[in-house]
Amino acid sequence: MRSPRQQFGDGVRIQLPNIAGVTPFGVIAGALTATVMNSAFWSLLITGGVFAGRAQMVAMQLITDGAPLLVVAVAVLVVNLRHLMYGAALAPHFQHLGWRWKALFGILMTDLAYAVTFQHMERMARSEDAPTRHWYFFGACMTNWVAWMIGGAIGALIGGQLPASWGLDFVPTLAFVLALATHAWDRASIVAAVVAGLLSVALAGLPWSLGLFIGALAGLLAGVRAARRAEAA
């Protein structure tokens, strides 16, 4: 059986190729947050604590637009609804853990962490490495978080220096679409990405960034419908 240290190292290695995409996204999120909050400190705190790039950028844009707190909260919830599916899929692998581990993994859960670990976690569940497989997931998550925070720190430092004339209104929508495009792994995910991306761009002019909210919700529903059709076929 592989030790926790070995499992953690395996998780780090499987995630390393992805940090080239994570760090630039962190720079964008950190810069936008620092600009909106007018504080590098708050940018770092939010970037590290929220650890949800799309949700963070949507929230910052909504705050800039003067949206009510309830609208911000609902939009963030909808953007992150996909994490419910990730959590449900991974739950059997964490049944033997205490609530502290589960809470930690709930915070660290990301698209990339799920994508790069799920199949291997499934294989390990049927092997002698099953008792320590959560360390593999932990290693992948922490690598992702560190890369994200490096980008967020860079963004926080340069965010306050960006001139207002540059106009960052379209950045959240662009980042949302790019993230969707890079995380489509199967037919249902592709359908969700296309629907969400097209609607988000088409409705980018709506107040309070409602285009992202509507696009994310429509993409989720389209993805669920596509998945059900695939299962029925």
Foldseek 3Di string as FASTA:
>chain_A
DDDLVVLLVLLQVLQVVVLVVQLQLLLLLLLLVCQQVVALVVSLVCLLQQVASLLSNLLSLLVVLVHDPVVSVLLSCLLCVVVVVLCVLCVVLCVVDDPVLVVVCSRLDDLSLSVRQRVVLVVCCPDPNSVNNSSNSVSNSVSSSVSSSNSSSNNSVCNSVDDCVVPCLCVSLVSLLVVLVVRQDDDLSVQLSVQLNVQQVVVSPDGSSCSNSVSSNVSVVSSVVVVVVVVVD
